[in-house]
Amino acid sequence: MTDRTVGSLRVNGATLHYEVRGQGPLVLLIPGGTGGAASFDGIADYLAAAYTVATYDPRGMSRSTLDDPDAEQHVAEHAEDAFRLLELLSPGEAARVFAASSGAITALHLLTAHPERMTRVVAHEPPVVEVLPDAAQHRTLIAHVQDTFRAQGLMPAMAVFAAGLRKDGDTTEPKAELKLPPQAAARAEQTMADLPYFVGRIVPSFMSYTPDIPRLEGLSDRLVIAGGQDSRGELPYRSAAFLAERLGTELQHFPGGHIGLTTHPAEFGELLRKALRGDHR
């Protein structure tokens, strides 16, 4: 385990919990879903051999508290939080960013808003469903998830959401359960605690976000769009693949599925380090 320092940063309407380890150029890791900083424990120490690695809990998640617990969430505000961390931890020097899932949507907005602060951004399966030809179908899904959440509660809403993310034509039969590393299994309680906020606030806001395609095209030389080897056909993968096609770039494949950084940390970390250096192609 690499020694880490822990800090907090006041931002507009929230206090962010962040952690820093290693030394060298800064890499900011932006988590998706309900993962928080802890979701990167499997790869952060590996990256810290070459970089200063910063992880954090997004506003409203885990140890990052909101001034108003009922506040609506917006991609632009989450991206501004990430920018404030870059300004704090890498003042005057451009950094590298890796982000997963909903965090990758944050990273896309961060790149378009503050391109001068980043030399490279690796976005793993951002579920930017608005870029898809069948976007209207997914708007209906998101509305159905919200209606179910309000009427029936968390777990029925999660079942609707999970069904909507599956591959087209996929059966509802349960798949073999993934064996998670002990650290990941230990995070299950915090993950469950953050799920209502994720489903109720993050999903409807982030999955209705439309990336600025023309601006991203002009920045594509520093942007890597990634997808999981095992998640081909699932909604986040489809979104990432279609975005890469729109930008005229090649989709970079990483080990595992949507949560490959958790299930395949060693292989994922090695490929990520190459992508951050720019020698992944």
Protein backbone atom coordinates (compact mmCIF):
# COMPACT_ATOMS: atom_id res chain seq x y z
CA MET A 1 0.00 0.00 0.00
CA THR A 2 1.30 3.44 -0.95
CA ASP A 3 1.08 6.11 1.74
CA ARG A 4 -1.72 8.54 1.05
CA THR A 5 -2.73 11.94 2.31
CA VAL A 6 -6.37 12.84 2.87
CA GLY A 7 -7.90 16.27 2.46
CA SER A 8 -11.14 18.15 1.99
CA LEU A 9 -11.99 20.93 -0.45
CA ARG A 10 -14.87 23.38 -0.17
CA VAL A 11 -16.66 23.82 -3.49
CA ASN A 12 -19.95 25.44 -4.42
CA GLY A 13 -22.60 23.76 -2.26
CA ALA A 14 -20.46 20.85 -1.10
CA THR A 15 -17.30 19.65 0.66
CA LEU A 16 -15.23 17.13 -1.30
CA HIS A 17 -13.21 14.33 0.29
CA TYR A 18 -10.05 13.53 -1.69
CA GLU A 19 -6.95 11.36 -1.33
CA VAL A 20 -3.49 11.71 -2.88
CA ARG A 21 -0.67 9.18 -3.21
CA GLY A 22 2.53 8.74 -5.20
CA GLN A 23 4.67 11.37 -6.91
CA GLY A 24 5.14 12.70 -10.42
CA PRO A 25 2.66 14.29 -12.87
CA LEU A 26 -0.91 14.38 -11.59
CA VAL A 27 -3.51 11.81 -12.60
CA LEU A 28 -7.04 12.57 -11.41
CA LEU A 29 -9.33 9.53 -11.17
CA ILE A 30 -13.05 10.33 -11.42
CA PRO A 31 -15.30 7.48 -10.21
CA GLY A 32 -18.63 6.46 -11.66
CA GLY A 33 -21.78 5.05 -10.12
CA THR A 34 -21.55 4.83 -6.34
CA GLY A 35 -17.89 3.86 -6.33
CA GLY A 36 -16.23 6.90 -4.77
CA ALA A 37 -12.48 7.16 -4.22
CA ALA A 38 -12.35 3.61 -2.84
CA SER A 39 -13.33 2.14 -6.21
CA PHE A 40 -9.82 2.94 -7.46
CA ASP A 41 -7.94 1.16 -4.66
CA GLY A 42 -7.12 -1.71 -7.01
CA ILE A 43 -5.27 0.49 -9.52
CA ALA A 44 -4.27 3.66 -7.65
CA ASP A 45 -1.20 2.17 -5.96
CA TYR A 46 -0.04 0.75 -9.28
CA LEU A 47 -0.35 4.14 -11.00
CA ALA A 48 1.33 5.85 -8.04
CA ALA A 49 4.65 4.28 -9.05
CA ALA A 50 4.78 6.80 -11.92
CA TYR A 51 2.26 9.52 -11.01
CA THR A 52 0.76 11.59 -8.25
CA VAL A 53 -2.66 9.94 -8.10
CA ALA A 54 -5.68 11.83 -6.79
CA THR A 55 -9.01 10.15 -6.09
CA TYR A 56 -12.15 11.61 -4.57
CA ASP A 57 -15.78 11.03 -3.68
CA PRO A 58 -18.05 13.06 -6.00
CA ARG A 59 -20.38 15.51 -4.27
CA GLY A 60 -23.17 13.74 -2.41
CA MET A 61 -21.32 10.40 -2.38
CA SER A 62 -19.77 8.71 0.64
CA ARG A 63 -17.61 11.28 2.49
CA SER A 64 -18.30 14.26 0.16
CA THR A 65 -21.25 16.06 1.72
CA LEU A 66 -23.82 18.39 0.19
CA ASP A 67 -24.85 21.61 1.94
CA ASP A 68 -28.38 20.87 0.71
CA PRO A 69 -29.02 17.11 0.58
CA ASP A 70 -31.97 17.69 -1.76
CA ALA A 71 -30.04 19.77 -4.30
CA GLU A 72 -30.38 18.82 -7.95
CA GLN A 73 -27.23 17.51 -9.56
CA HIS A 74 -25.70 18.76 -12.82
CA VAL A 75 -22.85 17.45 -14.95
CA ALA A 76 -21.35 20.94 -15.31
CA GLU A 77 -21.16 21.39 -11.53
CA HIS A 78 -19.52 17.98 -11.04
CA ALA A 79 -17.01 18.91 -13.77
CA GLU A 80 -16.28 22.19 -11.98
CA ASP A 81 -15.55 20.18 -8.81
CA ALA A 82 -12.97 18.16 -10.76
CA PHE A 83 -11.50 21.38 -12.16
CA ARG A 84 -11.14 22.79 -8.65
CA LEU A 85 -9.22 19.67 -7.64
CA LEU A 86 -6.91 20.07 -10.63
CA GLU A 87 -6.31 23.70 -9.67
CA LEU A 88 -5.53 22.68 -6.09
CA LEU A 89 -3.31 19.69 -6.79
CA SER A 90 -1.64 20.64 -10.09
CA PRO A 91 -1.56 24.44 -10.23
CA GLY A 92 -0.14 25.74 -13.49
CA GLU A 93 0.57 22.27 -14.89
CA ALA A 94 -1.73 20.23 -17.13
CA ALA A 95 -2.78 16.83 -15.75
CA ARG A 96 -4.07 13.49 -16.93
CA VAL A 97 -7.58 12.24 -16.15
CA PHE A 98 -9.15 8.79 -16.08
CA ALA A 99 -12.88 8.47 -15.50
CA ALA A 100 -15.42 5.65 -15.53
CA SER A 101 -19.15 5.47 -16.31
CA SER A 102 -21.02 8.54 -15.03
CA GLY A 103 -17.64 9.95 -14.01
CA ALA A 104 -16.58 9.69 -17.65
CA ILE A 105 -19.47 12.02 -18.53
CA THR A 106 -18.04 14.46 -15.99
CA ALA A 107 -14.64 14.11 -17.67
CA LEU A 108 -16.04 14.81 -21.14
CA HIS A 109 -17.57 18.07 -19.90
CA LEU A 110 -14.38 18.92 -18.01
CA LEU A 111 -12.36 18.53 -21.21
CA THR A 112 -14.66 20.78 -23.21
CA ALA A 113 -14.77 23.41 -20.45
CA HIS A 114 -11.09 23.45 -19.45
CA PRO A 115 -9.02 21.77 -22.17
CA GLU A 116 -5.88 23.66 -21.17
CA ARG A 117 -5.81 21.77 -17.84
CA MET A 118 -5.47 18.30 -19.37
CA THR A 119 -2.92 16.54 -21.55
CA ARG A 120 -4.95 13.35 -21.82
CA VAL A 121 -8.40 12.12 -20.81
CA VAL A 122 -9.35 8.42 -20.80
CA ALA A 123 -13.14 8.02 -20.61
CA HIS A 124 -14.31 4.45 -19.95
CA GLU A 125 -17.88 3.71 -21.10
CA PRO A 126 -19.55 7.09 -20.59
CA PRO A 127 -23.31 6.35 -20.89
CA VAL A 128 -23.97 9.35 -23.13
CA VAL A 129 -27.13 7.81 -24.56
CA GLU A 130 -28.15 11.09 -26.22
CA VAL A 131 -25.57 10.40 -28.98
CA LEU A 132 -27.34 7.16 -29.98
CA PRO A 133 -29.80 6.94 -32.89
CA ASP A 134 -32.33 5.38 -30.52
CA ALA A 135 -31.90 8.02 -27.81
CA ALA A 136 -35.66 8.47 -27.42
CA GLN A 137 -35.99 4.85 -26.28
CA HIS A 138 -33.45 5.45 -23.53
CA ARG A 139 -35.14 8.65 -22.39
CA THR A 140 -38.22 6.49 -21.85
CA LEU A 141 -36.10 4.04 -19.85
CA ILE A 142 -34.75 6.79 -17.59
CA ALA A 143 -38.26 8.15 -16.99
CA HIS A 144 -39.49 4.61 -16.19
CA VAL A 145 -36.65 4.16 -13.67
CA GLN A 146 -37.59 7.42 -11.94
CA ASP A 147 -41.30 6.58 -11.88
CA THR A 148 -40.55 3.14 -10.44
CA PHE A 149 -38.19 4.62 -7.84
CA ARG A 150 -40.85 7.06 -6.61
CA ALA A 151 -43.70 4.53 -6.65
CA GLN A 152 -42.04 1.27 -5.60
CA GLY A 153 -38.65 2.09 -4.14
CA LEU A 154 -34.98 1.45 -4.81
CA MET A 155 -34.67 -2.23 -5.70
CA PRO A 156 -37.54 -2.35 -8.23
CA ALA A 157 -36.06 0.77 -9.86
CA MET A 158 -32.63 -0.88 -10.00
CA ALA A 159 -34.17 -3.94 -11.66
CA VAL A 160 -35.71 -1.72 -14.36
CA PHE A 161 -32.42 0.12 -14.80
CA ALA A 162 -30.35 -3.08 -15.03
CA ALA A 163 -32.72 -4.54 -17.61
CA GLY A 164 -32.38 -1.42 -19.72
CA LEU A 165 -28.58 -1.60 -19.67
CA ARG A 166 -28.39 -5.18 -20.93
CA LYS A 167 -27.48 -6.21 -24.45
CA ASP A 168 -30.25 -6.21 -27.02
CA GLY A 169 -31.86 -9.64 -27.00
CA ASP A 170 -30.17 -10.63 -23.75
CA THR A 171 -32.18 -13.03 -21.64
CA THR A 172 -33.21 -12.33 -18.07
CA GLU A 173 -31.51 -15.47 -16.82
CA PRO A 174 -29.01 -14.71 -14.05
CA LYS A 175 -25.37 -14.75 -15.08
CA ALA A 176 -22.57 -16.35 -13.12
CA GLU A 177 -21.72 -14.10 -10.21
CA LEU A 178 -18.44 -12.23 -10.54
CA LYS A 179 -16.00 -12.91 -7.72
CA LEU A 180 -14.92 -9.49 -6.50
CA PRO A 181 -11.60 -8.79 -4.75
CA PRO A 182 -11.95 -8.53 -0.94
CA GLN A 183 -11.57 -4.72 -0.98
CA ALA A 184 -14.40 -4.39 -3.50
CA ALA A 185 -16.66 -6.74 -1.54
CA ALA A 186 -16.04 -4.70 1.61
CA ARG A 187 -17.34 -1.58 -0.15
CA ALA A 188 -20.77 -3.12 -0.74
CA GLU A 189 -22.35 -1.47 2.31
CA GLN A 190 -21.28 2.04 1.25
CA THR A 191 -22.36 1.32 -2.33
CA MET A 192 -25.84 0.41 -1.15
CA ALA A 193 -26.02 3.52 1.05
CA ASP A 194 -25.27 5.74 -1.97
CA LEU A 195 -27.65 4.01 -4.40
CA PRO A 196 -30.78 6.11 -3.70
CA TYR A 197 -28.82 9.30 -4.44
CA PHE A 198 -27.31 7.76 -7.57
CA VAL A 199 -30.62 6.51 -8.95
CA GLY A 200 -32.64 9.56 -7.98
CA ARG A 201 -30.18 12.38 -8.73
CA ILE A 202 -27.28 11.22 -10.88
CA VAL A 203 -28.94 8.88 -13.39
CA PRO A 204 -31.62 11.28 -14.69
CA SER A 205 -29.26 14.24 -14.91
CA PHE A 206 -26.17 12.54 -16.34
CA MET A 207 -27.93 10.24 -18.81
CA SER A 208 -29.78 13.18 -20.32
CA TYR A 209 -26.49 15.02 -20.93
CA THR A 210 -25.52 15.75 -24.55
CA PRO A 211 -21.77 16.06 -25.13
CA ASP A 212 -20.44 18.88 -27.30
CA ILE A 213 -19.41 16.75 -30.30
CA PRO A 214 -17.84 19.55 -32.41
CA ARG A 215 -15.74 20.71 -29.45
CA LEU A 216 -14.68 17.16 -28.61
CA GLU A 217 -13.70 16.59 -32.25
CA GLY A 218 -11.25 19.46 -31.93
CA LEU A 219 -9.80 17.88 -28.77
CA SER A 220 -9.79 14.25 -29.92
CA ASP A 221 -5.98 14.12 -30.03
CA ARG A 222 -5.97 14.07 -26.22
CA LEU A 223 -9.14 12.00 -25.67
CA VAL A 224 -9.31 8.20 -25.44
CA ILE A 225 -12.78 6.61 -25.45
CA ALA A 226 -12.68 3.13 -23.92
CA GLY A 227 -15.02 0.15 -23.61
CA GLY A 228 -14.93 -3.19 -21.85
CA GLN A 229 -14.03 -6.35 -23.73
CA ASP A 230 -16.89 -8.16 -22.01
CA SER A 231 -19.58 -5.47 -22.25
CA ARG A 232 -20.00 -5.27 -26.02
CA GLY A 233 -23.62 -4.51 -26.85
CA GLU A 234 -24.56 -3.19 -23.42
CA LEU A 235 -25.90 0.36 -23.31
CA PRO A 236 -22.82 2.14 -21.85
CA TYR A 237 -20.57 0.31 -24.33
CA ARG A 238 -22.84 1.22 -27.24
CA SER A 239 -22.77 4.86 -26.18
CA ALA A 240 -18.98 4.87 -25.94
CA ALA A 241 -18.55 3.11 -29.29
CA PHE A 242 -20.93 5.47 -31.06
CA LEU A 243 -19.24 8.51 -29.52
CA ALA A 244 -15.82 7.26 -30.66
CA GLU A 245 -17.21 6.77 -34.17
CA ARG A 246 -18.68 10.29 -34.17
CA LEU A 247 -15.29 11.69 -33.15
CA GLY A 248 -13.44 9.65 -35.77
CA THR A 249 -11.34 7.83 -33.16
CA GLU A 250 -10.84 4.15 -32.40
CA LEU A 251 -12.53 2.68 -29.34
CA GLN A 252 -9.85 1.37 -26.96
CA HIS A 253 -10.79 -1.95 -25.31
CA PHE A 254 -9.99 -2.61 -21.66
CA PRO A 255 -10.22 -5.93 -19.76
CA GLY A 256 -13.51 -7.01 -18.20
CA GLY A 257 -16.85 -5.31 -18.54
CA HIS A 258 -18.32 -2.05 -17.30
CA ILE A 259 -16.57 -2.45 -13.93
CA GLY A 260 -13.38 -3.94 -15.33
CA LEU A 261 -11.19 -1.75 -13.14
CA THR A 262 -12.68 -3.59 -10.12
CA THR A 263 -12.77 -7.13 -11.52
CA HIS A 264 -9.45 -7.03 -13.46
CA PRO A 265 -7.38 -4.40 -11.61
CA ALA A 266 -3.89 -5.56 -12.64
CA GLU A 267 -4.58 -5.88 -16.37
CA PHE A 268 -6.74 -2.76 -16.35
CA GLY A 269 -4.07 -0.72 -14.56
CA GLU A 270 -1.34 -1.76 -16.99
CA LEU A 271 -3.38 -0.80 -20.04
CA LEU A 272 -4.46 2.45 -18.39
CA ARG A 273 -0.88 3.44 -17.70
CA LYS A 274 -0.11 2.96 -21.40
CA ALA A 275 -3.18 4.99 -22.39
CA LEU A 276 -2.19 7.82 -20.07
CA ARG A 277 1.28 7.87 -21.65
CA GLY A 278 -0.30 7.97 -25.10
CA ASP A 279 1.29 4.75 -26.39
CA HIS A 280 -1.87 2.63 -26.39
CA ARG A 281 -2.55 2.78 -30.11
